[in-house]
Each structure stands twice: as structure tokens, then as C-alpha cells.
Amino acid sequence: MFIPLTVGGGVRAVADVQRLLNAGADKVGINTSAVLNPQLVKDAADRYGSQCIVSQSIPSAWATTGSLYPWRPHRHRT
């Protein structure tokens, strides 16, 4: 049985994606950085294939207002 391993956390650059894939991840999750830097998702998918990149949906507040409210990156640290 094959179960693909998705790893994320702290992914802020394409080099981070490469590091995680080299460490054995099958897929890389990009979440906060996807909101703050959407180009990162495109660049990573272009380089490694869209099958390797996993991301959350952009919150509807961001899509309609351009604001991260009520969702905030690193909210757990405040």
C-alpha cells in the first residue's frame, strides 16, 4: 500500500520545497505563504509539478476584501 506523505510548515521559498522533497516528502503543503506570496505556489508547481504542491483555499474574506481578517497568519502566536 502506498500512502503519499504531505509535509508542510515553514515553507517560504522554492528551496524549502526542494529540501522537503529531498527528505522524502511526496507532497509539500504551502498555506500561510500561499496567502502572503501566491507566486510561490506557481513557482513551486512549475518546478516540481502541480501534483507535489498542496495548499488551502484562500479565505473568502481575502478573496472579497483583500484583507486577512478574520483569518491571520500565525494567529496562534498572538
PDB file of N, CA and C in Angstrom:
ATOM      1  N   MET A   1       0.848  -1.168   0.000  1.00  0.00           N
ATOM      2  CA  MET A   1       0.000   0.000   0.000  1.00  0.00           C
ATOM      3  C   MET A   1       0.895   1.233   0.000  1.00  0.00           C
ATOM      4  N   PHE A   2       0.576   2.187  -0.839  1.00  0.00           N
ATOM      5  CA  PHE A   2       1.313   3.445  -0.907  1.00  0.00           C
ATOM      6  C   PHE A   2       0.421   4.575  -0.408  1.00  0.00           C
ATOM      7  N   ILE A   3       0.904   5.296   0.569  1.00  0.00           N
ATOM      8  CA  ILE A   3       0.198   6.468   1.082  1.00  0.00           C
ATOM      9  C   ILE A   3       1.146   7.651   0.948  1.00  0.00           C
ATOM     10  N   PRO A   4       0.835   8.614   0.061  1.00  0.00           N
ATOM     11  CA  PRO A   4       1.738   9.746  -0.117  1.00  0.00           C
ATOM     12  C   PRO A   4       1.847  10.584   1.158  1.00  0.00           C
ATOM     13  N   LEU A   5       3.055  10.988   1.468  1.00  0.00           N
ATOM     14  CA  LEU A   5       3.330  11.792   2.649  1.00  0.00           C
ATOM     15  C   LEU A   5       3.367  13.266   2.270  1.00  0.00           C
ATOM     16  N   THR A   6       2.508  14.063   2.901  1.00  0.00           N
ATOM     17  CA  THR A   6       2.497  15.510   2.690  1.00  0.00           C
ATOM     18  C   THR A   6       3.111  16.171   3.913  1.00  0.00           C
ATOM     19  N   VAL A   7       4.069  17.048   3.674  1.00  0.00           N
ATOM     20  CA  VAL A   7       4.773  17.740   4.748  1.00  0.00           C
ATOM     21  C   VAL A   7       4.674  19.234   4.496  1.00  0.00           C
ATOM     22  N   GLY A   8       4.499  20.000   5.558  1.00  0.00           N
ATOM     23  CA  GLY A   8       4.451  21.452   5.429  1.00  0.00           C
ATOM     24  C   GLY A   8       4.911  22.101   6.713  1.00  0.00           C
ATOM     25  N   GLY A   9       4.871  23.406   6.709  1.00  0.00           N
ATOM     26  CA  GLY A   9       5.295  24.181   7.861  1.00  0.00           C
ATOM     27  C   GLY A   9       6.592  24.893   7.574  1.00  0.00           C
ATOM     28  N   GLY A  10       6.540  26.207   7.589  1.00  0.00           N
ATOM     29  CA  GLY A  10       7.753  26.985   7.363  1.00  0.00           C
ATOM     30  C   GLY A  10       8.199  27.049   5.921  1.00  0.00           C
ATOM     31  N   VAL A  11       7.327  26.697   5.000  1.00  0.00           N
ATOM     32  CA  VAL A  11       7.690  26.722   3.575  1.00  0.00           C
ATOM     33  C   VAL A  11       7.523  28.148   3.067  1.00  0.00           C
ATOM     34  N   ARG A  12       8.646  28.822   2.824  1.00  0.00           N
ATOM     35  CA  ARG A  12       8.613  30.222   2.398  1.00  0.00           C
ATOM     36  C   ARG A  12       9.313  30.472   1.067  1.00  0.00           C
ATOM     37  N   ALA A  13       9.973  29.423   0.543  1.00  0.00           N
ATOM     38  CA  ALA A  13      10.725  29.579  -0.703  1.00  0.00           C
ATOM     39  C   ALA A  13      10.738  28.246  -1.446  1.00  0.00           C
ATOM     40  N   VAL A  14      11.036  28.313  -2.734  1.00  0.00           N
ATOM     41  CA  VAL A  14      11.121  27.102  -3.547  1.00  0.00           C
ATOM     42  C   VAL A  14      12.208  26.184  -2.998  1.00  0.00           C
ATOM     43  N   ALA A  15      13.259  26.745  -2.421  1.00  0.00           N
ATOM     44  CA  ALA A  15      14.326  25.934  -1.836  1.00  0.00           C
ATOM     45  C   ALA A  15      13.803  25.093  -0.668  1.00  0.00           C
ATOM     46  N   ASP A  16      12.813  25.609   0.071  1.00  0.00           N
ATOM     47  CA  ASP A  16      12.209  24.834   1.156  1.00  0.00           C
ATOM     48  C   ASP A  16      11.463  23.626   0.599  1.00  0.00           C
ATOM     49  N   VAL A  17      10.796  23.806  -0.535  1.00  0.00           N
ATOM     50  CA  VAL A  17      10.094  22.689  -1.189  1.00  0.00           C
ATOM     51  C   VAL A  17      11.103  21.618  -1.579  1.00  0.00           C
ATOM     52  N   GLN A  18      12.205  22.026  -2.176  1.00  0.00           N
ATOM     53  CA  GLN A  18      13.248  21.077  -2.582  1.00  0.00           C
ATOM     54  C   GLN A  18      13.789  20.305  -1.381  1.00  0.00           C
ATOM     55  N   ARG A  19      14.021  21.002  -0.274  1.00  0.00           N
ATOM     56  CA  ARG A  19      14.541  20.367   0.938  1.00  0.00           C
ATOM     57  C   ARG A  19      13.584  19.285   1.444  1.00  0.00           C
ATOM     58  N   LEU A  20      12.280  19.584   1.462  1.00  0.00           N
ATOM     59  CA  LEU A  20      11.291  18.622   1.949  1.00  0.00           C
ATOM     60  C   LEU A  20      11.149  17.429   1.010  1.00  0.00           C
ATOM     61  N   LEU A  21      11.170  17.675  -0.296  1.00  0.00           N
ATOM     62  CA  LEU A  21      11.092  16.571  -1.256  1.00  0.00           C
ATOM     63  C   LEU A  21      12.326  15.683  -1.154  1.00  0.00           C
ATOM     64  N   ASN A  22      13.499  16.293  -0.984  1.00  0.00           N
ATOM     65  CA  ASN A  22      14.735  15.516  -0.830  1.00  0.00           C
ATOM     66  C   ASN A  22      14.718  14.678   0.453  1.00  0.00           C
ATOM     67  N   ALA A  23      14.000  15.161   1.468  1.00  0.00           N
ATOM     68  CA  ALA A  23      13.914  14.450   2.743  1.00  0.00           C
ATOM     69  C   ALA A  23      12.899  13.309   2.699  1.00  0.00           C
ATOM     70  N   GLY A  24      12.161  13.168   1.591  1.00  0.00           N
ATOM     71  CA  GLY A  24      11.252  12.042   1.441  1.00  0.00           C
ATOM     72  C   GLY A  24       9.777  12.375   1.306  1.00  0.00           C
ATOM     73  N   ALA A  25       9.422  13.649   1.391  1.00  0.00           N
ATOM     74  CA  ALA A  25       8.014  14.027   1.216  1.00  0.00           C
ATOM     75  C   ALA A  25       7.583  13.758  -0.228  1.00  0.00           C
ATOM     76  N   ASP A  26       6.344  13.331  -0.394  1.00  0.00           N
ATOM     77  CA  ASP A  26       5.772  13.156  -1.731  1.00  0.00           C
ATOM     78  C   ASP A  26       5.081  14.430  -2.191  1.00  0.00           C
ATOM     79  N   LYS A  27       4.567  15.186  -1.220  1.00  0.00           N
ATOM     80  CA  LYS A  27       3.853  16.431  -1.491  1.00  0.00           C
ATOM     81  C   LYS A  27       4.264  17.438  -0.428  1.00  0.00           C
ATOM     82  N   VAL A  28       4.181  18.724  -0.783  1.00  0.00           N
ATOM     83  CA  VAL A  28       4.536  19.791   0.146  1.00  0.00           C
ATOM     84  C   VAL A  28       3.344  20.723   0.303  1.00  0.00           C
ATOM     85  N   GLY A  29       2.969  20.980   1.556  1.00  0.00           N
ATOM     86  CA  GLY A  29       1.870  21.888   1.856  1.00  0.00           C
ATOM     87  C   GLY A  29       2.373  23.306   2.042  1.00  0.00           C
ATOM     88  N   ILE A  30       1.763  24.222   1.325  1.00  0.00           N
ATOM     89  CA  ILE A  30       2.090  25.647   1.443  1.00  0.00           C
ATOM     90  C   ILE A  30       0.796  26.360   1.802  1.00  0.00           C
ATOM     91  N   ASN A  31       0.727  26.958   2.983  1.00  0.00           N
ATOM     92  CA  ASN A  31      -0.519  27.562   3.422  1.00  0.00           C
ATOM     93  C   ASN A  31      -0.385  29.059   3.666  1.00  0.00           C
ATOM     94  N   THR A  32       0.206  29.472   4.774  1.00  0.00           N
ATOM     95  CA  THR A  32       0.330  30.901   5.057  1.00  0.00           C
ATOM     96  C   THR A  32       1.080  31.612   3.948  1.00  0.00           C
ATOM     97  N   SER A  33       2.168  31.027   3.495  1.00  0.00           N
ATOM     98  CA  SER A  33       2.946  31.656   2.426  1.00  0.00           C
ATOM     99  C   SER A  33       2.162  31.754   1.123  1.00  0.00           C
ATOM    100  N   ALA A  34       1.191  30.853   0.922  1.00  0.00           N
ATOM    101  CA  ALA A  34       0.360  30.915  -0.276  1.00  0.00           C
ATOM    102  C   ALA A  34      -0.505  32.170  -0.278  1.00  0.00           C
ATOM    103  N   VAL A  35      -0.920  32.607   0.909  1.00  0.00           N
ATOM    104  CA  VAL A  35      -1.724  33.826   1.011  1.00  0.00           C
ATOM    105  C   VAL A  35      -0.830  35.051   0.885  1.00  0.00           C
ATOM    106  N   LEU A  36       0.316  35.004   1.555  1.00  0.00           N
ATOM    107  CA  LEU A  36       1.212  36.158   1.558  1.00  0.00           C
ATOM    108  C   LEU A  36       2.004  36.300   0.270  1.00  0.00           C
ATOM    109  N   ASN A  37       2.273  35.179  -0.416  1.00  0.00           N
ATOM    110  CA  ASN A  37       3.069  35.185  -1.642  1.00  0.00           C
ATOM    111  C   ASN A  37       2.538  34.125  -2.601  1.00  0.00           C
ATOM    112  N   PRO A  38       1.425  34.405  -3.280  1.00  0.00           N
ATOM    113  CA  PRO A  38       0.833  33.404  -4.183  1.00  0.00           C
ATOM    114  C   PRO A  38       1.776  32.945  -5.296  1.00  0.00           C
ATOM    115  N   GLN A  39       2.728  33.767  -5.659  1.00  0.00           N
ATOM    116  CA  GLN A  39       3.688  33.396  -6.710  1.00  0.00           C
ATOM    117  C   GLN A  39       4.515  32.179  -6.299  1.00  0.00           C
ATOM    118  N   LEU A  40       4.722  31.996  -5.008  1.00  0.00           N
ATOM    119  CA  LEU A  40       5.480  30.838  -4.518  1.00  0.00           C
ATOM    120  C   LEU A  40       4.816  29.533  -4.945  1.00  0.00           C
ATOM    121  N   VAL A  41       3.498  29.458  -4.858  1.00  0.00           N
ATOM    122  CA  VAL A  41       2.777  28.246  -5.254  1.00  0.00           C
ATOM    123  C   VAL A  41       2.979  27.985  -6.743  1.00  0.00           C
ATOM    124  N   LYS A  42       2.869  29.013  -7.556  1.00  0.00           N
ATOM    125  CA  LYS A  42       3.066  28.853  -9.002  1.00  0.00           C
ATOM    126  C   LYS A  42       4.495  28.426  -9.318  1.00  0.00           C
ATOM    127  N   ASP A  43       5.460  29.095  -8.693  1.00  0.00           N
ATOM    128  CA  ASP A  43       6.865  28.763  -8.955  1.00  0.00           C
ATOM    129  C   ASP A  43       7.191  27.327  -8.550  1.00  0.00           C
ATOM    130  N   ALA A  44       6.692  26.912  -7.384  1.00  0.00           N
ATOM    131  CA  ALA A  44       6.947  25.545  -6.919  1.00  0.00           C
ATOM    132  C   ALA A  44       6.265  24.524  -7.827  1.00  0.00           C
ATOM    133  N   ALA A  45       5.031  24.801  -8.225  1.00  0.00           N
ATOM    134  CA  ALA A  45       4.308  23.882  -9.113  1.00  0.00           C
ATOM    135  C   ALA A  45       4.963  23.813 -10.490  1.00  0.00           C
ATOM    136  N   ASP A  46       5.439  24.944 -10.981  1.00  0.00           N
ATOM    137  CA  ASP A  46       6.131  24.942 -12.278  1.00  0.00           C
ATOM    138  C   ASP A  46       7.412  24.111 -12.219  1.00  0.00           C
ATOM    139  N   ARG A  47       8.114  24.185 -11.099  1.00  0.00           N
ATOM    140  CA  ARG A  47       9.394  23.487 -10.995  1.00  0.00           C
ATOM    141  C   ARG A  47       9.239  21.996 -10.693  1.00  0.00           C
ATOM    142  N   TYR A  48       8.310  21.636  -9.776  1.00  0.00           N
ATOM    143  CA  TYR A  48       8.203  20.256  -9.314  1.00  0.00           C
ATOM    144  C   TYR A  48       6.938  19.540  -9.765  1.00  0.00           C
ATOM    145  N   GLY A  49       6.020  20.246 -10.384  1.00  0.00           N
ATOM    146  CA  GLY A  49       4.765  19.658 -10.835  1.00  0.00           C
ATOM    147  C   GLY A  49       3.646  19.943  -9.847  1.00  0.00           C
ATOM    148  N   SER A  50       2.480  20.230 -10.372  1.00  0.00           N
ATOM    149  CA  SER A  50       1.349  20.589  -9.512  1.00  0.00           C
ATOM    150  C   SER A  50       0.909  19.427  -8.620  1.00  0.00           C
ATOM    151  N   GLN A  51       1.260  18.185  -8.972  1.00  0.00           N
ATOM    152  CA  GLN A  51       0.893  17.048  -8.135  1.00  0.00           C
ATOM    153  C   GLN A  51       1.647  17.050  -6.813  1.00  0.00           C
ATOM    154  N   CYS A  52       2.728  17.831  -6.704  1.00  0.00           N
ATOM    155  CA  CYS A  52       3.545  17.868  -5.482  1.00  0.00           C
ATOM    156  C   CYS A  52       3.162  18.987  -4.525  1.00  0.00           C
ATOM    157  N   ILE A  53       2.331  19.923  -4.960  1.00  0.00           N
ATOM    158  CA  ILE A  53       2.043  21.105  -4.155  1.00  0.00           C
ATOM    159  C   ILE A  53       0.599  21.059  -3.665  1.00  0.00           C
ATOM    160  N   VAL A  54       0.428  21.220  -2.350  1.00  0.00           N
ATOM    161  CA  VAL A  54      -0.887  21.208  -1.720  1.00  0.00           C
ATOM    162  C   VAL A  54      -1.051  22.530  -0.995  1.00  0.00           C
ATOM    163  N   SER A  55      -2.228  23.142  -1.108  1.00  0.00           N
ATOM    164  CA  SER A  55      -2.466  24.414  -0.433  1.00  0.00           C
ATOM    165  C   SER A  55      -3.918  24.522  -0.025  1.00  0.00           C
ATOM    166  N   GLN A  56      -4.160  25.306   0.991  1.00  0.00           N
ATOM    167  CA  GLN A  56      -5.535  25.547   1.424  1.00  0.00           C
ATOM    168  C   GLN A  56      -6.192  26.539   0.485  1.00  0.00           C
ATOM    169  N   SER A  57      -7.483  26.604   0.522  1.00  0.00           N
ATOM    170  CA  SER A  57      -8.202  27.617  -0.230  1.00  0.00           C
ATOM    171  C   SER A  57      -7.989  28.961   0.442  1.00  0.00           C
ATOM    172  N   ILE A  58      -7.870  29.990  -0.353  1.00  0.00           N
ATOM    173  CA  ILE A  58      -7.734  31.328   0.213  1.00  0.00           C
ATOM    174  C   ILE A  58      -9.047  31.682   0.898  1.00  0.00           C
ATOM    175  N   PRO A  59      -8.974  32.159   2.147  1.00  0.00           N
ATOM    176  CA  PRO A  59     -10.209  32.505   2.860  1.00  0.00           C
ATOM    177  C   PRO A  59     -11.072  33.473   2.063  1.00  0.00           C
ATOM    178  N   SER A  60     -12.371  33.326   2.179  1.00  0.00           N
ATOM    179  CA  SER A  60     -13.290  34.160   1.400  1.00  0.00           C
ATOM    180  C   SER A  60     -13.126  35.634   1.745  1.00  0.00           C
ATOM    181  N   ALA A  61     -12.760  35.956   2.985  1.00  0.00           N
ATOM    182  CA  ALA A  61     -12.552  37.360   3.344  1.00  0.00           C
ATOM    183  C   ALA A  61     -11.426  37.961   2.509  1.00  0.00           C
ATOM    184  N   TRP A  62     -10.380  37.183   2.270  1.00  0.00           N
ATOM    185  CA  TRP A  62      -9.265  37.669   1.444  1.00  0.00           C
ATOM    186  C   TRP A  62      -9.733  37.872   0.007  1.00  0.00           C
ATOM    187  N   ALA A  63     -10.476  36.920  -0.491  1.00  0.00           N
ATOM    188  CA  ALA A  63     -10.917  36.983  -1.882  1.00  0.00           C
ATOM    189  C   ALA A  63     -11.852  38.160  -2.132  1.00  0.00           C
ATOM    190  N   THR A  64     -12.677  38.518  -1.157  1.00  0.00           N
ATOM    191  CA  THR A  64     -13.660  39.576  -1.383  1.00  0.00           C
ATOM    192  C   THR A  64     -13.183  40.957  -0.943  1.00  0.00           C
ATOM    193  N   THR A  65     -12.283  41.024   0.050  1.00  0.00           N
ATOM    194  CA  THR A  65     -11.889  42.332   0.575  1.00  0.00           C
ATOM    195  C   THR A  65     -10.401  42.622   0.448  1.00  0.00           C
ATOM    196  N   GLY A  66      -9.595  41.605   0.169  1.00  0.00           N
ATOM    197  CA  GLY A  66      -8.155  41.797   0.148  1.00  0.00           C
ATOM    198  C   GLY A  66      -7.565  41.862   1.549  1.00  0.00           C
ATOM    199  N   SER A  67      -8.377  41.557   2.543  1.00  0.00           N
ATOM    200  CA  SER A  67      -7.942  41.598   3.937  1.00  0.00           C
ATOM    201  C   SER A  67      -7.873  40.183   4.485  1.00  0.00           C
ATOM    202  N   LEU A  68      -6.941  39.946   5.387  1.00  0.00           N
ATOM    203  CA  LEU A  68      -6.847  38.638   6.012  1.00  0.00           C
ATOM    204  C   LEU A  68      -7.822  38.485   7.173  1.00  0.00           C
ATOM    205  N   TYR A  69      -8.522  39.551   7.545  1.00  0.00           N
ATOM    206  CA  TYR A  69      -9.470  39.467   8.647  1.00  0.00           C
ATOM    207  C   TYR A  69     -10.657  38.607   8.225  1.00  0.00           C
ATOM    208  N   PRO A  70     -11.151  37.692   9.024  1.00  0.00           N
ATOM    209  CA  PRO A  70     -10.785  37.403  10.404  1.00  0.00           C
ATOM    210  C   PRO A  70      -9.639  36.405  10.535  1.00  0.00           C
ATOM    211  N   TRP A  71      -9.142  35.864   9.436  1.00  0.00           N
ATOM    212  CA  TRP A  71      -8.047  34.905   9.477  1.00  0.00           C
ATOM    213  C   TRP A  71      -6.734  35.652   9.437  1.00  0.00           C
ATOM    214  N   ARG A  72      -5.790  35.264  10.284  1.00  0.00           N
ATOM    215  CA  ARG A  72      -4.491  35.904  10.318  1.00  0.00           C
ATOM    216  C   ARG A  72      -3.385  34.854  10.329  1.00  0.00           C
ATOM    217  N   PRO A  73      -2.350  35.053   9.517  1.00  0.00           N
ATOM    218  CA  PRO A  73      -1.209  34.143   9.588  1.00  0.00           C
ATOM    219  C   PRO A  73      -0.613  34.188  10.983  1.00  0.00           C
ATOM    220  N   HIS A  74      -0.204  33.064  11.491  1.00  0.00           N
ATOM    221  CA  HIS A  74       0.463  32.954  12.796  1.00  0.00           C
ATOM    222  C   HIS A  74      -0.419  33.453  13.936  1.00  0.00           C
ATOM    223  N   ARG A  75      -1.710  33.328  13.792  1.00  0.00           N
ATOM    224  CA  ARG A  75      -2.640  33.803  14.808  1.00  0.00           C
ATOM    225  C   ARG A  75      -2.365  33.172  16.169  1.00  0.00           C
ATOM    226  N   HIS A  76      -1.888  31.934  16.163  1.00  0.00           N
ATOM    227  CA  HIS A  76      -1.633  31.231  17.402  1.00  0.00           C
ATOM    228  C   HIS A  76      -0.494  31.866  18.205  1.00  0.00           C
ATOM    229  N   ARG A  77       0.265  32.756  17.612  1.00  0.00           N
ATOM    230  CA  ARG A  77       1.387  33.378  18.302  1.00  0.00           C
ATOM    231  C   ARG A  77       1.011  34.700  18.966  1.00  0.00           C
ATOM    232  N   THR A  78      -0.199  35.179  18.761  1.00  0.00           N
ATOM    233  CA  THR A  78      -0.569  36.483  19.330  1.00  0.00           C
ATOM    234  C   THR A  78      -1.080  36.340  20.742  1.00  0.00           C
TER     235      THR A  78
END
